[in-house]
């Protein structure tokens, strides 16, 4: 059955039924036998990111990033990182970014973290993006976690806005753990001053 999908993998990824066949295949087949899926995702510019944004296709991209070796998915990871900010703020695309943060190489995580720090305001203001912020605070290096926490803290109003998000509140808890000295005190005071707003957002 898997052989029959060669040449039609991307179409199958976006099909609600064939998608499950691919997911099952990824879970039981050797990574090398999955190469045709990666190859087809990279056949044309923008295809990998389009599939990553698809309701069903995003699941396949995530599973490939998780199951295959870093060298095997290096091209796929590079394709995704070309549109990292828009993917991070997308309802489905953000999950592939989170998987890259969790399963990518140290170099890839560093590149992702730098992009997230540079676009902290955009991501923190997005319902999908706050999940990526949380993933960065869970999987990035200690240095990058601190840089991200500082970027959020020093943008007026951003720490409170992030704390109101579905996953943002957990990201802020991680930030409070990595901030130190005056910055830690500043963060606590900012949140304390907006306690009524934060309580209202959780109702």
Protein backbone atom coordinates (compact mmCIF):
# COMPACT_ATOMS: atom_id res chain seq x y z
CA UNK A 1 0.00 0.00 0.00
CA UNK A 2 2.83 2.38 0.89
CA UNK A 3 4.42 1.71 -2.49
CA UNK A 4 1.23 2.88 -4.20
CA UNK A 5 1.55 6.27 -2.48
CA UNK A 6 4.90 7.02 -4.10
CA UNK A 7 4.38 10.08 -6.28
CA UNK A 8 1.12 10.91 -4.51
CA UNK A 9 2.35 11.44 -0.95
CA UNK A 10 1.57 15.15 -0.66
CA UNK A 11 -1.96 14.62 -1.93
CA UNK A 12 -2.39 11.78 0.57
CA UNK A 13 -1.06 13.95 3.40
CA UNK A 14 -3.92 16.38 2.90
CA UNK A 15 -6.60 13.69 2.63
CA UNK A 16 -8.51 12.98 5.86
CA UNK A 17 -8.40 9.20 5.25
CA UNK A 18 -5.08 8.58 3.48
CA UNK A 19 -3.48 10.82 6.09
CA UNK A 20 -4.05 8.12 8.72
CA UNK A 21 -2.36 5.53 6.51
CA UNK A 22 0.71 7.73 6.29
CA UNK A 23 0.74 8.39 10.04
CA UNK A 24 0.59 4.66 10.73
CA UNK A 25 3.35 4.02 8.20
CA UNK A 26 5.59 6.61 9.83
CA UNK A 27 5.10 4.95 13.22
CA UNK A 28 6.03 1.43 12.08
CA UNK A 29 8.35 1.79 9.04
CA UNK A 30 12.07 2.47 9.16
CA UNK A 31 13.00 6.13 8.67
CA UNK A 32 14.83 5.33 5.43
CA UNK A 33 11.62 3.94 3.90
CA UNK A 34 9.92 7.30 4.56
CA UNK A 35 12.37 9.25 2.42
CA UNK A 36 9.93 9.47 -0.49
CA UNK A 37 7.58 11.60 1.64
CA UNK A 38 10.34 14.08 2.44
CA UNK A 39 11.47 14.15 -1.18
CA UNK A 40 7.97 14.94 -2.41
CA UNK A 41 7.56 17.73 0.14
CA UNK A 42 10.70 19.34 -1.28
CA UNK A 43 9.82 18.94 -4.96
CA UNK A 44 8.66 22.53 -5.31
CA UNK A 45 9.20 25.74 -3.37
CA UNK A 46 6.54 26.44 -0.77
CA UNK A 47 5.05 22.93 -0.83
CA UNK A 48 6.44 21.87 2.56
CA UNK A 49 5.14 25.00 4.29
CA UNK A 50 1.77 24.67 2.55
CA UNK A 51 1.40 21.11 3.84
CA UNK A 52 2.56 22.23 7.30
CA UNK A 53 -0.32 24.71 7.31
CA UNK A 54 -2.88 22.10 6.27
CA UNK A 55 -5.33 20.70 8.82
CA UNK A 56 -4.27 17.10 8.08
CA UNK A 57 -0.93 17.59 6.36
CA UNK A 58 0.58 19.28 9.41
CA UNK A 59 0.42 15.96 11.26
CA UNK A 60 2.64 14.26 8.70
CA UNK A 61 5.25 17.03 8.79
CA UNK A 62 5.32 16.81 12.58
CA UNK A 63 5.72 13.04 12.59
CA UNK A 64 8.53 13.15 10.03
CA UNK A 65 10.41 15.72 12.11
CA UNK A 66 9.98 13.51 15.17
CA UNK A 67 10.72 10.13 13.60
CA UNK A 68 13.52 10.78 11.11
CA UNK A 69 17.12 11.72 11.80
CA UNK A 70 18.23 15.34 11.74
CA UNK A 71 20.27 14.76 8.58
CA UNK A 72 17.32 13.13 6.82
CA UNK A 73 14.97 16.05 7.48
CA UNK A 74 17.55 18.85 7.20
CA UNK A 75 16.07 20.04 3.89
CA UNK A 76 12.57 19.94 5.31
CA UNK A 77 13.66 21.88 8.39
CA UNK A 78 15.38 24.48 6.21
CA UNK A 79 12.24 24.88 4.08
CA UNK A 80 10.12 25.43 7.18
CA UNK A 81 12.54 27.96 8.64
CA UNK A 82 12.17 30.13 5.55
CA UNK A 83 8.67 31.03 6.77
CA UNK A 84 9.11 30.51 10.48
CA UNK A 85 7.22 33.55 11.77
CA UNK A 86 4.12 33.05 9.61
CA UNK A 87 4.10 29.32 10.42
CA UNK A 88 4.49 30.04 14.13
CA UNK A 89 1.38 32.24 14.06
CA UNK A 90 -0.69 29.78 12.01
CA UNK A 91 -3.34 27.58 13.64
CA UNK A 92 -1.79 24.40 12.23
CA UNK A 93 1.66 25.52 11.10
CA UNK A 94 2.74 26.35 14.64
CA UNK A 95 2.88 22.67 15.57
CA UNK A 96 5.68 21.97 13.09
CA UNK A 97 7.66 24.88 14.56
CA UNK A 98 7.15 23.41 18.03
CA UNK A 99 8.40 20.03 16.79
CA UNK A 100 11.49 21.69 15.32
CA UNK A 101 12.19 23.30 18.67
CA UNK A 102 11.82 19.94 20.39
CA UNK A 103 13.49 17.59 17.91
CA UNK A 104 15.74 19.83 15.80
CA UNK A 105 19.49 20.11 16.05
CA UNK A 106 21.14 22.55 18.43
CA UNK A 107 21.93 24.82 15.48
CA UNK A 108 18.31 24.73 14.29
CA UNK A 109 17.02 25.50 17.77
CA UNK A 110 19.40 28.45 18.00
CA UNK A 111 18.21 29.81 14.64
CA UNK A 112 14.59 29.34 15.66
CA UNK A 113 15.15 31.00 19.02
CA UNK A 114 16.80 34.02 17.37
CA UNK A 115 13.81 34.41 15.03
CA UNK A 116 11.40 34.09 17.94
CA UNK A 117 13.27 36.66 20.02
CA UNK A 118 13.33 39.08 17.07
CA UNK A 119 9.58 38.61 16.57
CA UNK A 120 8.52 38.20 20.19
CA UNK A 121 5.80 40.84 19.98
CA UNK A 122 4.21 39.26 16.89
CA UNK A 123 4.23 35.76 18.35
CA UNK A 124 3.11 36.81 21.81
CA UNK A 125 0.11 38.56 20.28
CA UNK A 126 -0.95 35.46 18.34
CA UNK A 127 -3.17 32.70 19.73
CA UNK A 128 -1.03 30.14 17.93
CA UNK A 129 2.24 31.94 18.52
CA UNK A 130 2.06 31.76 22.30
CA UNK A 131 2.37 27.97 22.02
CA UNK A 132 5.61 28.44 20.11
CA UNK A 133 6.84 30.86 22.79
CA UNK A 134 6.14 28.17 25.39
CA UNK A 135 7.97 25.52 23.32
CA UNK A 136 10.97 27.85 23.06
CA UNK A 137 10.98 28.35 26.83
CA UNK A 138 10.90 24.57 27.26
CA UNK A 139 13.44 23.47 24.63
CA UNK A 140 15.78 26.36 23.75
CA UNK A 141 19.20 26.82 25.33
CA UNK A 142 19.47 28.60 28.67
CA UNK A 143 20.97 31.63 26.91
CA UNK A 144 18.12 31.81 24.40
CA UNK A 145 15.47 31.35 27.09
CA UNK A 146 16.88 34.35 28.93
CA UNK A 147 17.05 36.46 25.76
CA UNK A 148 13.42 35.64 24.97
CA UNK A 149 12.27 36.43 28.51
CA UNK A 150 14.13 39.77 28.37
CA UNK A 151 12.65 40.60 24.96
CA UNK A 152 9.13 40.05 26.27
CA UNK A 153 9.78 41.91 29.53
CA UNK A 154 11.21 45.02 27.89
CA UNK A 155 8.42 45.44 25.35
CA UNK A 156 5.75 47.53 27.16
CA UNK A 157 2.60 45.55 27.88
CA UNK A 158 3.86 42.36 26.25
CA UNK A 159 4.43 40.28 29.38
CA UNK A 160 0.83 40.85 30.52
CA UNK A 161 -0.54 40.19 27.04
CA UNK A 162 1.39 36.93 26.82
CA UNK A 163 0.25 35.89 30.29
CA UNK A 164 -3.36 36.12 29.11
CA UNK A 165 -2.83 33.53 26.37
CA UNK A 166 -3.82 29.88 26.50
CA UNK A 167 -0.19 28.74 26.59
CA UNK A 168 1.32 32.13 27.25
CA UNK A 169 0.69 31.97 30.98
CA UNK A 170 2.87 28.85 31.20
CA UNK A 171 5.55 30.55 29.09
CA UNK A 172 5.53 33.49 31.51
CA UNK A 173 6.00 31.11 34.45
CA UNK A 174 9.13 29.77 32.73
CA UNK A 175 10.31 33.33 32.14
CA UNK A 176 9.95 34.19 35.80
CA UNK A 177 12.26 31.27 36.57
CA UNK A 178 15.04 32.41 34.21
CA UNK A 179 14.94 36.16 34.91
CA UNK A 180 17.18 37.25 37.76
CA UNK A 181 17.83 40.22 39.99
CA UNK A 182 16.19 43.54 38.99
CA UNK A 183 14.59 42.01 35.90
CA UNK A 184 12.89 39.32 37.96
CA UNK A 185 11.55 41.97 40.34
CA UNK A 186 10.40 44.10 37.41
CA UNK A 187 8.49 41.17 35.91
CA UNK A 188 6.73 40.37 39.17
CA UNK A 189 5.78 44.02 39.65
CA UNK A 190 4.41 44.30 36.11
CA UNK A 191 2.23 41.25 36.66
CA UNK A 192 1.18 42.39 40.12
CA UNK A 193 0.02 45.74 38.76
CA UNK A 194 -2.20 43.96 36.22
CA UNK A 195 -3.54 41.24 38.50
CA UNK A 196 -7.16 42.26 37.95
CA UNK A 197 -6.72 42.05 34.17
CA UNK A 198 -5.06 38.65 34.45
CA UNK A 199 -7.78 37.26 36.71
CA UNK A 200 -10.48 38.47 34.30
CA UNK A 201 -8.76 36.73 31.39
CA UNK A 202 -8.94 33.32 33.12
CA UNK A 203 -12.67 33.40 33.72
